[in-house]
Amino acid sequence: MTNRDRWTVYPLIFLALGLAVRAAILSEDRLAAPPPELFEADRIECRELIVRDPDGTVRLQIPPAADD
């Protein structure tokens, strides 16, 4: 392997390893954080609201307004 080949291959190897380690670290951080149980907002806009139980049963459904 020539010196020129080394200047091409080794940086690519380190880049690939760095990206793999970064992806592994980020995916572990995202999996470790629990989903938020409380959401606060000053204003929420939507056309229709459906609230479901964890088993999928619809608990509340507010249909869109007739003037839309």
PDB file of N, CA and C in Angstrom:
ATOM      1  N   MET A   1       0.846  -1.165   0.000  1.00  0.00           N
ATOM      2  CA  MET A   1       0.000   0.000   0.000  1.00  0.00           C
ATOM      3  C   MET A   1       0.897   1.235   0.000  1.00  0.00           C
ATOM      4  N   THR A   2       0.646   2.109  -0.903  1.00  0.00           N
ATOM      5  CA  THR A   2       1.465   3.312  -0.994  1.00  0.00           C
ATOM      6  C   THR A   2       1.023   4.344   0.040  1.00  0.00           C
ATOM      7  N   ASN A   3       1.851   5.347   0.210  1.00  0.00           N
ATOM      8  CA  ASN A   3       1.544   6.415   1.158  1.00  0.00           C
ATOM      9  C   ASN A   3       0.270   7.156   0.731  1.00  0.00           C
ATOM     10  N   ARG A   4       0.093   7.323  -0.563  1.00  0.00           N
ATOM     11  CA  ARG A   4      -1.110   7.997  -1.068  1.00  0.00           C
ATOM     12  C   ARG A   4      -2.362   7.184  -0.753  1.00  0.00           C
ATOM     13  N   ASP A   5      -2.267   5.868  -0.869  1.00  0.00           N
ATOM     14  CA  ASP A   5      -3.403   5.010  -0.533  1.00  0.00           C
ATOM     15  C   ASP A   5      -3.759   5.133   0.949  1.00  0.00           C
ATOM     16  N   ARG A   6      -2.760   5.210   1.792  1.00  0.00           N
ATOM     17  CA  ARG A   6      -3.001   5.336   3.228  1.00  0.00           C
ATOM     18  C   ARG A   6      -3.743   6.631   3.552  1.00  0.00           C
ATOM     19  N   TRP A   7      -3.394   7.728   2.881  1.00  0.00           N
ATOM     20  CA  TRP A   7      -4.045   9.011   3.124  1.00  0.00           C
ATOM     21  C   TRP A   7      -5.502   8.994   2.661  1.00  0.00           C
ATOM     22  N   THR A   8      -5.874   8.045   1.842  1.00  0.00           N
ATOM     23  CA  THR A   8      -7.253   7.917   1.392  1.00  0.00           C
ATOM     24  C   THR A   8      -8.032   6.925   2.249  1.00  0.00           C
ATOM     25  N   VAL A   9      -7.434   5.789   2.520  1.00  0.00           N
ATOM     26  CA  VAL A   9      -8.150   4.701   3.181  1.00  0.00           C
ATOM     27  C   VAL A   9      -8.321   4.941   4.676  1.00  0.00           C
ATOM     28  N   TYR A  10      -7.278   5.305   5.388  1.00  0.00           N
ATOM     29  CA  TYR A  10      -7.369   5.437   6.842  1.00  0.00           C
ATOM     30  C   TYR A  10      -8.367   6.505   7.298  1.00  0.00           C
ATOM     31  N   PRO A  11      -8.409   7.697   6.697  1.00  0.00           N
ATOM     32  CA  PRO A  11      -9.447   8.645   7.118  1.00  0.00           C
ATOM     33  C   PRO A  11     -10.864   8.119   6.890  1.00  0.00           C
ATOM     34  N   LEU A  12     -11.072   7.379   5.825  1.00  0.00           N
ATOM     35  CA  LEU A  12     -12.397   6.810   5.574  1.00  0.00           C
ATOM     36  C   LEU A  12     -12.759   5.754   6.618  1.00  0.00           C
ATOM     37  N   ILE A  13     -11.770   4.972   7.034  1.00  0.00           N
ATOM     38  CA  ILE A  13     -12.013   3.971   8.074  1.00  0.00           C
ATOM     39  C   ILE A  13     -12.389   4.651   9.384  1.00  0.00           C
ATOM     40  N   PHE A  14     -11.644   5.689   9.769  1.00  0.00           N
ATOM     41  CA  PHE A  14     -11.953   6.405  11.015  1.00  0.00           C
ATOM     42  C   PHE A  14     -13.307   7.101  10.936  1.00  0.00           C
ATOM     43  N   LEU A  15     -13.652   7.634   9.779  1.00  0.00           N
ATOM     44  CA  LEU A  15     -14.954   8.263   9.607  1.00  0.00           C
ATOM     45  C   LEU A  15     -16.075   7.234   9.782  1.00  0.00           C
ATOM     46  N   ALA A  16     -15.929   6.084   9.179  1.00  0.00           N
ATOM     47  CA  ALA A  16     -16.947   5.043   9.297  1.00  0.00           C
ATOM     48  C   ALA A  16     -17.089   4.566  10.736  1.00  0.00           C
ATOM     49  N   LEU A  17     -15.977   4.371  11.427  1.00  0.00           N
ATOM     50  CA  LEU A  17     -16.035   3.958  12.826  1.00  0.00           C
ATOM     51  C   LEU A  17     -16.678   5.028  13.699  1.00  0.00           C
ATOM     52  N   GLY A  18     -16.322   6.282  13.464  1.00  0.00           N
ATOM     53  CA  GLY A  18     -16.905   7.374  14.234  1.00  0.00           C
ATOM     54  C   GLY A  18     -18.405   7.486  14.030  1.00  0.00           C
ATOM     55  N   LEU A  19     -18.867   7.353  12.795  1.00  0.00           N
ATOM     56  CA  LEU A  19     -20.302   7.406  12.528  1.00  0.00           C
ATOM     57  C   LEU A  19     -21.038   6.233  13.170  1.00  0.00           C
ATOM     58  N   ALA A  20     -20.441   5.067  13.172  1.00  0.00           N
ATOM     59  CA  ALA A  20     -21.075   3.904  13.796  1.00  0.00           C
ATOM     60  C   ALA A  20     -21.191   4.079  15.308  1.00  0.00           C
ATOM     61  N   VAL A  21     -20.136   4.570  15.929  1.00  0.00           N
ATOM     62  CA  VAL A  21     -20.171   4.796  17.380  1.00  0.00           C
ATOM     63  C   VAL A  21     -21.174   5.883  17.721  1.00  0.00           C
ATOM     64  N   ARG A  22     -21.207   6.959  16.933  1.00  0.00           N
ATOM     65  CA  ARG A  22     -22.160   8.041  17.175  1.00  0.00           C
ATOM     66  C   ARG A  22     -23.595   7.539  17.063  1.00  0.00           C
ATOM     67  N   ALA A  23     -23.893   6.734  16.058  1.00  0.00           N
ATOM     68  CA  ALA A  23     -25.241   6.202  15.881  1.00  0.00           C
ATOM     69  C   ALA A  23     -25.627   5.302  17.052  1.00  0.00           C
ATOM     70  N   ALA A  24     -24.695   4.509  17.542  1.00  0.00           N
ATOM     71  CA  ALA A  24     -24.986   3.623  18.672  1.00  0.00           C
ATOM     72  C   ALA A  24     -25.257   4.426  19.937  1.00  0.00           C
ATOM     73  N   ILE A  25     -24.497   5.480  20.157  1.00  0.00           N
ATOM     74  CA  ILE A  25     -24.687   6.308  21.354  1.00  0.00           C
ATOM     75  C   ILE A  25     -26.020   7.044  21.281  1.00  0.00           C
ATOM     76  N   LEU A  26     -26.341   7.624  20.131  1.00  0.00           N
ATOM     77  CA  LEU A  26     -27.593   8.371  20.004  1.00  0.00           C
ATOM     78  C   LEU A  26     -28.811   7.465  20.136  1.00  0.00           C
ATOM     79  N   SER A  27     -28.761   6.266  19.584  1.00  0.00           N
ATOM     80  CA  SER A  27     -29.920   5.371  19.675  1.00  0.00           C
ATOM     81  C   SER A  27     -30.134   4.913  21.111  1.00  0.00           C
ATOM     82  N   GLU A  28     -29.064   4.714  21.885  1.00  0.00           N
ATOM     83  CA  GLU A  28     -29.220   4.330  23.289  1.00  0.00           C
ATOM     84  C   GLU A  28     -29.827   5.467  24.102  1.00  0.00           C
ATOM     85  N   ASP A  29     -29.437   6.707  23.815  1.00  0.00           N
ATOM     86  CA  ASP A  29     -29.991   7.858  24.533  1.00  0.00           C
ATOM     87  C   ASP A  29     -31.477   8.013  24.247  1.00  0.00           C
ATOM     88  N   ARG A  30     -31.877   7.805  23.023  1.00  0.00           N
ATOM     89  CA  ARG A  30     -33.290   7.952  22.669  1.00  0.00           C
ATOM     90  C   ARG A  30     -34.130   6.853  23.294  1.00  0.00           C
ATOM     91  N   LEU A  31     -33.584   5.645  23.403  1.00  0.00           N
ATOM     92  CA  LEU A  31     -34.334   4.543  23.998  1.00  0.00           C
ATOM     93  C   LEU A  31     -34.429   4.673  25.512  1.00  0.00           C
ATOM     94  N   ALA A  32     -33.449   5.311  26.134  1.00  0.00           N
ATOM     95  CA  ALA A  32     -33.408   5.400  27.588  1.00  0.00           C
ATOM     96  C   ALA A  32     -34.402   6.427  28.126  1.00  0.00           C
ATOM     97  N   ALA A  33     -34.733   7.446  27.342  1.00  0.00           N
ATOM     98  CA  ALA A  33     -35.627   8.500  27.823  1.00  0.00           C
ATOM     99  C   ALA A  33     -37.079   8.026  27.771  1.00  0.00           C
ATOM    100  N   PRO A  34     -37.798   8.101  28.901  1.00  0.00           N
ATOM    101  CA  PRO A  34     -39.207   7.698  28.883  1.00  0.00           C
ATOM    102  C   PRO A  34     -40.051   8.748  28.167  1.00  0.00           C
ATOM    103  N   PRO A  35     -41.170   8.347  27.599  1.00  0.00           N
ATOM    104  CA  PRO A  35     -42.028   9.322  26.934  1.00  0.00           C
ATOM    105  C   PRO A  35     -42.642  10.274  27.960  1.00  0.00           C
ATOM    106  N   PRO A  36     -42.896  11.499  27.584  1.00  0.00           N
ATOM    107  CA  PRO A  36     -43.456  12.450  28.553  1.00  0.00           C
ATOM    108  C   PRO A  36     -44.879  12.063  28.942  1.00  0.00           C
ATOM    109  N   GLU A  37     -45.199  12.198  30.224  1.00  0.00           N
ATOM    110  CA  GLU A  37     -46.546  11.901  30.698  1.00  0.00           C
ATOM    111  C   GLU A  37     -47.405  13.153  30.757  1.00  0.00           C
ATOM    112  N   LEU A  38     -46.765  14.314  30.724  1.00  0.00           N
ATOM    113  CA  LEU A  38     -47.481  15.568  30.827  1.00  0.00           C
ATOM    114  C   LEU A  38     -47.029  16.481  29.700  1.00  0.00           C
ATOM    115  N   PHE A  39     -48.005  17.043  29.025  1.00  0.00           N
ATOM    116  CA  PHE A  39     -47.724  17.964  27.936  1.00  0.00           C
ATOM    117  C   PHE A  39     -48.414  19.282  28.243  1.00  0.00           C
ATOM    118  N   GLU A  40     -47.653  20.367  28.246  1.00  0.00           N
ATOM    119  CA  GLU A  40     -48.225  21.680  28.516  1.00  0.00           C
ATOM    120  C   GLU A  40     -48.031  22.572  27.294  1.00  0.00           C
ATOM    121  N   ALA A  41     -49.100  23.297  26.939  1.00  0.00           N
ATOM    122  CA  ALA A  41     -49.030  24.230  25.822  1.00  0.00           C
ATOM    123  C   ALA A  41     -50.041  25.338  26.042  1.00  0.00           C
ATOM    124  N   ASP A  42     -49.736  26.504  25.526  1.00  0.00           N
ATOM    125  CA  ASP A  42     -50.670  27.613  25.626  1.00  0.00           C
ATOM    126  C   ASP A  42     -51.816  27.457  24.635  1.00  0.00           C
ATOM    127  N   ARG A  43     -51.535  26.867  23.491  1.00  0.00           N
ATOM    128  CA  ARG A  43     -52.563  26.744  22.455  1.00  0.00           C
ATOM    129  C   ARG A  43     -52.275  25.525  21.589  1.00  0.00           C
ATOM    130  N   ILE A  44     -53.325  24.781  21.295  1.00  0.00           N
ATOM    131  CA  ILE A  44     -53.229  23.619  20.408  1.00  0.00           C
ATOM    132  C   ILE A  44     -54.335  23.749  19.374  1.00  0.00           C
ATOM    133  N   GLU A  45     -53.994  23.603  18.101  1.00  0.00           N
ATOM    134  CA  GLU A  45     -54.988  23.679  17.034  1.00  0.00           C
ATOM    135  C   GLU A  45     -55.000  22.350  16.281  1.00  0.00           C
ATOM    136  N   CYS A  46     -56.218  21.824  16.076  1.00  0.00           N
ATOM    137  CA  CYS A  46     -56.363  20.610  15.281  1.00  0.00           C
ATOM    138  C   CYS A  46     -57.775  20.577  14.706  1.00  0.00           C
ATOM    139  N   ARG A  47     -57.988  19.750  13.720  1.00  0.00           N
ATOM    140  CA  ARG A  47     -59.314  19.641  13.105  1.00  0.00           C
ATOM    141  C   ARG A  47     -60.191  18.648  13.855  1.00  0.00           C
ATOM    142  N   GLU A  48     -59.590  17.602  14.359  1.00  0.00           N
ATOM    143  CA  GLU A  48     -60.349  16.566  15.068  1.00  0.00           C
ATOM    144  C   GLU A  48     -59.485  16.043  16.205  1.00  0.00           C
ATOM    145  N   LEU A  49     -60.123  15.718  17.319  1.00  0.00           N
ATOM    146  CA  LEU A  49     -59.404  15.204  18.474  1.00  0.00           C
ATOM    147  C   LEU A  49     -59.966  13.837  18.838  1.00  0.00           C
ATOM    148  N   ILE A  50     -59.102  12.846  18.934  1.00  0.00           N
ATOM    149  CA  ILE A  50     -59.494  11.488  19.338  1.00  0.00           C
ATOM    150  C   ILE A  50     -58.569  11.072  20.471  1.00  0.00           C
ATOM    151  N   VAL A  51     -59.154  10.666  21.600  1.00  0.00           N
ATOM    152  CA  VAL A  51     -58.387  10.189  22.756  1.00  0.00           C
ATOM    153  C   VAL A  51     -58.674   8.706  22.899  1.00  0.00           C
ATOM    154  N   ARG A  52     -57.610   7.895  22.947  1.00  0.00           N
ATOM    155  CA  ARG A  52     -57.754   6.444  23.044  1.00  0.00           C
ATOM    156  C   ARG A  52     -57.080   5.918  24.306  1.00  0.00           C
ATOM    157  N   ASP A  53     -57.625   4.814  24.821  1.00  0.00           N
ATOM    158  CA  ASP A  53     -56.985   4.082  25.908  1.00  0.00           C
ATOM    159  C   ASP A  53     -55.770   3.342  25.359  1.00  0.00           C
ATOM    160  N   PRO A  54     -54.907   2.846  26.239  1.00  0.00           N
ATOM    161  CA  PRO A  54     -53.771   2.046  25.754  1.00  0.00           C
ATOM    162  C   PRO A  54     -54.196   0.809  24.952  1.00  0.00           C
ATOM    163  N   ASP A  55     -55.396   0.288  25.222  1.00  0.00           N
ATOM    164  CA  ASP A  55     -55.860  -0.881  24.466  1.00  0.00           C
ATOM    165  C   ASP A  55     -56.536  -0.497  23.153  1.00  0.00           C
ATOM    166  N   GLY A  56     -56.664   0.815  22.858  1.00  0.00           N
ATOM    167  CA  GLY A  56     -57.210   1.254  21.583  1.00  0.00           C
ATOM    168  C   GLY A  56     -58.659   1.685  21.618  1.00  0.00           C
ATOM    169  N   THR A  57     -59.318   1.591  22.764  1.00  0.00           N
ATOM    170  CA  THR A  57     -60.711   2.000  22.883  1.00  0.00           C
ATOM    171  C   THR A  57     -60.799   3.527  22.814  1.00  0.00           C
ATOM    172  N   VAL A  58     -61.729   4.031  21.999  1.00  0.00           N
ATOM    173  CA  VAL A  58     -61.906   5.477  21.882  1.00  0.00           C
ATOM    174  C   VAL A  58     -62.636   5.974  23.117  1.00  0.00           C
ATOM    175  N   ARG A  59     -61.992   6.896  23.858  1.00  0.00           N
ATOM    176  CA  ARG A  59     -62.583   7.461  25.072  1.00  0.00           C
ATOM    177  C   ARG A  59     -63.272   8.788  24.787  1.00  0.00           C
ATOM    178  N   LEU A  60     -62.746   9.556  23.857  1.00  0.00           N
ATOM    179  CA  LEU A  60     -63.298  10.862  23.542  1.00  0.00           C
ATOM    180  C   LEU A  60     -63.022  11.158  22.078  1.00  0.00           C
ATOM    181  N   GLN A  61     -64.043  11.658  21.382  1.00  0.00           N
ATOM    182  CA  GLN A  61     -63.869  12.042  19.980  1.00  0.00           C
ATOM    183  C   GLN A  61     -64.615  13.344  19.767  1.00  0.00           C
ATOM    184  N   ILE A  62     -63.885  14.357  19.346  1.00  0.00           N
ATOM    185  CA  ILE A  62     -64.478  15.646  19.029  1.00  0.00           C
ATOM    186  C   ILE A  62     -64.320  15.832  17.518  1.00  0.00           C
ATOM    187  N   PRO A  63     -65.433  15.767  16.783  1.00  0.00           N
ATOM    188  CA  PRO A  63     -65.334  15.863  15.312  1.00  0.00           C
ATOM    189  C   PRO A  63     -65.034  17.282  14.865  1.00  0.00           C
ATOM    190  N   PRO A  64     -64.620  17.438  13.615  1.00  0.00           N
ATOM    191  CA  PRO A  64     -64.344  18.787  13.110  1.00  0.00           C
ATOM    192  C   PRO A  64     -65.612  19.617  13.076  1.00  0.00           C
ATOM    193  N   ALA A  65     -65.456  20.928  13.168  1.00  0.00           N
ATOM    194  CA  ALA A  65     -66.592  21.840  13.118  1.00  0.00           C
ATOM    195  C   ALA A  65     -67.223  21.826  11.741  1.00  0.00           C
ATOM    196  N   ALA A  66     -68.521  22.097  11.668  1.00  0.00           N
ATOM    197  CA  ALA A  66     -69.253  22.052  10.401  1.00  0.00           C
ATOM    198  C   ALA A  66     -68.857  23.205   9.479  1.00  0.00           C
ATOM    199  N   ASP A  67     -68.308  24.285   9.984  1.00  0.00           N
ATOM    200  CA  ASP A  67     -67.966  25.425   9.142  1.00  0.00           C
ATOM    201  C   ASP A  67     -66.608  25.317   8.479  1.00  0.00           C
ATOM    202  N   ASP A  68     -65.875  24.202   8.628  1.00  0.00           N
ATOM    203  CA  ASP A  68     -64.558  24.021   7.990  1.00  0.00           C
ATOM    204  C   ASP A  68     -64.688  23.765   6.520  1.00  0.00           C
TER     205      ASP A  68
END
